[in-house]
Amino acid sequence: MAETLLVGDGTVVAFHYRLTNDAGDVLDSSEGSEPLTYLQGSGNIVPGLERQLTGHLTQLTEAAAQAEDPCQRLEAVLDAYALIQHEFREAHRGELAAHLHQATHVARAQQQLRELVRDLLAAAAAAGQIRGDVAADELAAFCLHALAAATSLPSKAAVRRLVQVTLTGLRAPMPSGGQERT
C-alpha cells in the first residue's frame, strides 16, 4: 500500500499551473517552463491550496483504512475521491484557489494517489474481487480519469452513481456463454 503521509509540512512539491479568470482567459501559466516548486507548510502559496494538498490525500488514505476487505477499501477510496472532486468545485466556485487547483498538476501528490488506487486494485484483483486481466496501473488511470467527471455532476447522488458505474467496469468479464461469474 502507498505510504500514509502523502504531502506534509517540509515536503518539496512541484506543480504546473494555469490561472484563469471566470471567462476562461489565461492570466498566468507555467506551460513551457519549469514547474512551480514550493516547500509545503512554509506559507509560500495560497493557503487553501496547501490545505487541500494535505487534507484530501490523507482523507483518501483514512477511507481505505476503515474498510475490511480489498474491494471495500477500493470502493471507499473511489467514493471519497469522487466526492472530493464534486464538493471542491461547489465550495470554491469562482475563487482563486479553485482556478489554481483545477489547473494544477501536483506531481508527487498525483503519483501517490495513483499508487494508492493501484495498490488497492492489485489487492482486490489478487483476492478475485475484480478483474485481473488488465494491469492495476491501467485500471488506476481508468478510475481516476472516470471519477474526475464528478466535478461536473449536479448532486452527490449522481456522484455515487458514477462511482458504481466505474466499479462495474472493474468487474471480471463474463466467461463465454454469457453467465456471470460468482
Protein backbone atom coordinates (compact mmCIF):
# COMPACT_ATOMS: atom_id res chain seq x y z
CA MET A 1 0.00 0.00 0.00
CA ALA A 2 1.18 3.58 -0.61
CA GLU A 3 2.71 5.50 2.26
CA THR A 4 0.22 7.14 4.63
CA LEU A 5 1.53 10.72 4.75
CA LEU A 6 1.24 11.91 1.19
CA VAL A 7 2.07 15.64 1.34
CA GLY A 8 3.09 17.07 4.68
CA ASP A 9 4.96 20.02 6.10
CA GLY A 10 8.54 20.09 4.89
CA THR A 11 7.71 18.27 1.62
CA VAL A 12 9.02 19.89 -1.55
CA VAL A 13 6.14 20.00 -4.05
CA ALA A 14 6.37 20.91 -7.74
CA PHE A 15 3.38 21.55 -9.99
CA HIS A 16 2.39 23.12 -13.26
CA TYR A 17 -0.47 25.58 -13.19
CA ARG A 18 -2.75 27.68 -15.35
CA LEU A 19 -4.56 30.59 -13.73
CA THR A 20 -7.76 31.68 -15.48
CA ASN A 21 -10.47 34.21 -14.78
CA ASP A 22 -14.20 33.37 -14.73
CA ALA A 23 -14.37 33.87 -18.52
CA GLY A 24 -11.66 31.24 -19.03
CA ASP A 25 -8.96 33.71 -20.14
CA VAL A 26 -5.47 32.54 -19.13
CA LEU A 27 -3.96 35.09 -16.74
CA ASP A 28 -0.75 33.17 -15.97
CA SER A 29 0.66 29.73 -16.71
CA SER A 30 3.76 27.63 -16.17
CA GLU A 31 3.25 25.94 -19.55
CA GLY A 32 6.53 25.71 -21.43
CA SER A 33 8.61 26.38 -18.33
CA GLU A 34 9.71 24.65 -15.16
CA PRO A 35 7.01 23.74 -12.63
CA LEU A 36 6.39 25.98 -9.64
CA THR A 37 8.21 24.48 -6.65
CA TYR A 38 7.48 25.30 -3.02
CA LEU A 39 8.02 23.90 0.47
CA GLN A 40 4.75 22.61 1.97
CA GLY A 41 3.91 24.35 5.23
CA SER A 42 6.09 27.39 4.57
CA GLY A 43 3.23 29.71 3.56
CA ASN A 44 4.67 30.39 0.10
CA ILE A 45 1.49 29.60 -1.86
CA VAL A 46 -2.24 30.19 -1.45
CA PRO A 47 -3.08 28.74 2.00
CA GLY A 48 -6.21 26.97 0.77
CA LEU A 49 -4.22 25.10 -1.86
CA GLU A 50 -1.71 23.95 0.75
CA ARG A 51 -4.53 22.66 2.99
CA GLN A 52 -6.14 20.87 0.04
CA LEU A 53 -2.92 19.01 -0.82
CA THR A 54 -2.51 17.70 2.71
CA GLY A 55 -6.15 17.09 3.61
CA HIS A 56 -7.51 15.36 0.52
CA LEU A 57 -4.81 12.73 0.23
CA THR A 58 -4.94 11.99 3.95
CA GLN A 59 -8.73 11.67 3.70
CA LEU A 60 -8.37 9.02 0.99
CA THR A 61 -5.84 7.04 2.99
CA GLU A 62 -8.13 7.12 6.02
CA ALA A 63 -11.09 5.95 3.91
CA ALA A 64 -9.08 2.90 2.83
CA ALA A 65 -8.08 2.09 6.39
CA GLN A 66 -11.71 1.95 7.58
CA ALA A 67 -12.85 -0.82 5.23
CA GLU A 68 -12.31 -4.53 5.86
CA ASP A 69 -11.62 -6.27 2.56
CA PRO A 70 -9.75 -5.12 -0.57
CA CYS A 71 -12.85 -4.41 -2.65
CA GLN A 72 -14.47 -2.42 0.17
CA ARG A 73 -11.26 -0.38 0.60
CA LEU A 74 -11.19 0.32 -3.14
CA GLU A 75 -14.84 1.40 -3.19
CA ALA A 76 -14.34 3.63 -0.12
CA VAL A 77 -11.38 5.41 -1.74
CA LEU A 78 -13.10 5.83 -5.12
CA ASP A 79 -16.23 7.16 -3.43
CA ALA A 80 -14.23 9.60 -1.28
CA TYR A 81 -12.19 10.75 -4.30
CA ALA A 82 -15.28 11.40 -6.42
CA LEU A 83 -16.98 13.32 -3.60
CA ILE A 84 -13.85 15.44 -3.06
CA GLN A 85 -13.86 16.30 -6.77
CA HIS A 86 -17.54 17.22 -6.65
CA GLU A 87 -17.50 19.16 -3.38
CA PHE A 88 -14.38 21.17 -4.15
CA ARG A 89 -15.99 22.62 -7.25
CA GLU A 90 -19.13 23.55 -5.34
CA ALA A 91 -17.31 25.02 -2.34
CA HIS A 92 -14.84 27.13 -4.28
CA ARG A 93 -16.75 28.27 -7.33
CA GLY A 94 -15.16 31.47 -8.64
CA GLU A 95 -12.32 31.59 -6.10
CA LEU A 96 -8.63 31.91 -6.96
CA ALA A 97 -7.87 28.65 -5.16
CA ALA A 98 -10.36 26.82 -7.38
CA HIS A 99 -8.69 28.08 -10.53
CA LEU A 100 -5.27 27.09 -9.24
CA HIS A 101 -6.45 23.68 -8.05
CA GLN A 102 -8.33 22.85 -11.24
CA ALA A 103 -5.30 23.58 -13.42
CA THR A 104 -2.51 22.16 -11.29
CA HIS A 105 -0.59 19.00 -11.81
CA VAL A 106 0.89 18.23 -8.45
CA ALA A 107 3.39 15.58 -9.41
CA ARG A 108 4.17 13.93 -6.07
CA ALA A 109 0.59 14.02 -4.79
CA GLN A 110 -0.83 12.65 -8.03
CA GLN A 111 1.78 9.91 -8.13
CA GLN A 112 0.89 8.88 -4.59
CA LEU A 113 -2.82 8.95 -5.44
CA ARG A 114 -2.20 6.67 -8.44
CA GLU A 115 -0.10 4.36 -6.26
CA LEU A 116 -2.79 4.21 -3.57
CA VAL A 117 -5.50 3.31 -6.10
CA ARG A 118 -3.16 0.91 -7.96
CA ASP A 119 -2.30 -0.93 -4.74
CA LEU A 120 -5.98 -1.22 -3.79
CA LEU A 121 -6.80 -2.53 -7.26
CA ALA A 122 -3.97 -5.08 -7.12
CA ALA A 123 -5.15 -6.33 -3.72
CA ALA A 124 -8.76 -6.64 -4.91
CA ALA A 125 -7.62 -8.47 -8.07
CA ALA A 126 -5.44 -10.84 -6.01
CA ALA A 127 -8.50 -11.60 -3.85
CA GLY A 128 -10.51 -12.35 -7.02
CA GLN A 129 -12.90 -9.45 -6.35
CA ILE A 130 -12.17 -7.52 -9.56
CA ARG A 131 -10.76 -8.28 -12.98
CA GLY A 132 -7.19 -9.47 -13.20
CA ASP A 133 -6.82 -9.32 -16.98
CA VAL A 134 -5.84 -5.62 -17.03
CA ALA A 135 -2.77 -4.20 -15.26
CA ALA A 136 -3.51 -2.37 -12.00
CA ASP A 137 -1.73 0.75 -13.32
CA GLU A 138 -4.09 0.87 -16.30
CA LEU A 139 -7.14 0.35 -14.12
CA ALA A 140 -5.96 3.11 -11.75
CA ALA A 141 -5.72 5.54 -14.68
CA PHE A 142 -9.21 4.46 -15.80
CA CYS A 143 -10.68 5.04 -12.33
CA LEU A 144 -9.09 8.43 -11.73
CA HIS A 145 -9.97 9.77 -15.16
CA ALA A 146 -13.54 8.48 -14.96
CA LEU A 147 -14.09 9.95 -11.49
CA ALA A 148 -12.70 13.34 -12.49
CA ALA A 149 -16.08 13.76 -14.19
CA ALA A 150 -17.59 14.19 -10.71
CA THR A 151 -16.66 17.89 -10.88
CA SER A 152 -19.44 18.43 -13.42
CA LEU A 153 -22.17 16.35 -11.77
CA PRO A 154 -25.16 18.09 -10.18
CA SER A 155 -25.52 16.08 -6.96
CA LYS A 156 -23.92 13.63 -4.57
CA ALA A 157 -26.39 11.01 -5.78
CA ALA A 158 -25.07 11.46 -9.33
CA VAL A 159 -21.50 11.15 -7.99
CA ARG A 160 -22.36 7.87 -6.26
CA ARG A 161 -23.89 6.55 -9.49
CA LEU A 162 -20.66 7.46 -11.30
CA VAL A 163 -18.66 5.51 -8.70
CA GLN A 164 -20.92 2.47 -9.21
CA VAL A 165 -20.52 2.65 -13.00
CA THR A 166 -16.74 2.86 -12.52
CA LEU A 167 -16.78 -0.15 -10.19
CA THR A 168 -18.85 -2.08 -12.75
CA GLY A 169 -16.03 -1.54 -15.25
CA LEU A 170 -13.65 -3.21 -12.79
CA ARG A 171 -15.61 -6.44 -12.52
CA ALA A 172 -14.21 -9.51 -14.22
CA PRO A 173 -15.56 -10.04 -17.74
CA MET A 174 -18.23 -12.69 -18.12
CA PRO A 175 -16.99 -16.04 -19.44
CA SER A 176 -18.19 -17.13 -22.86
CA GLY A 177 -21.71 -18.39 -22.62
CA GLY A 178 -22.93 -15.15 -21.00
CA GLN A 179 -23.24 -16.38 -17.41
CA GLU A 180 -21.92 -14.01 -14.76
CA ARG A 181 -19.08 -15.27 -12.53
CA THR A 182 -19.79 -15.63 -8.85
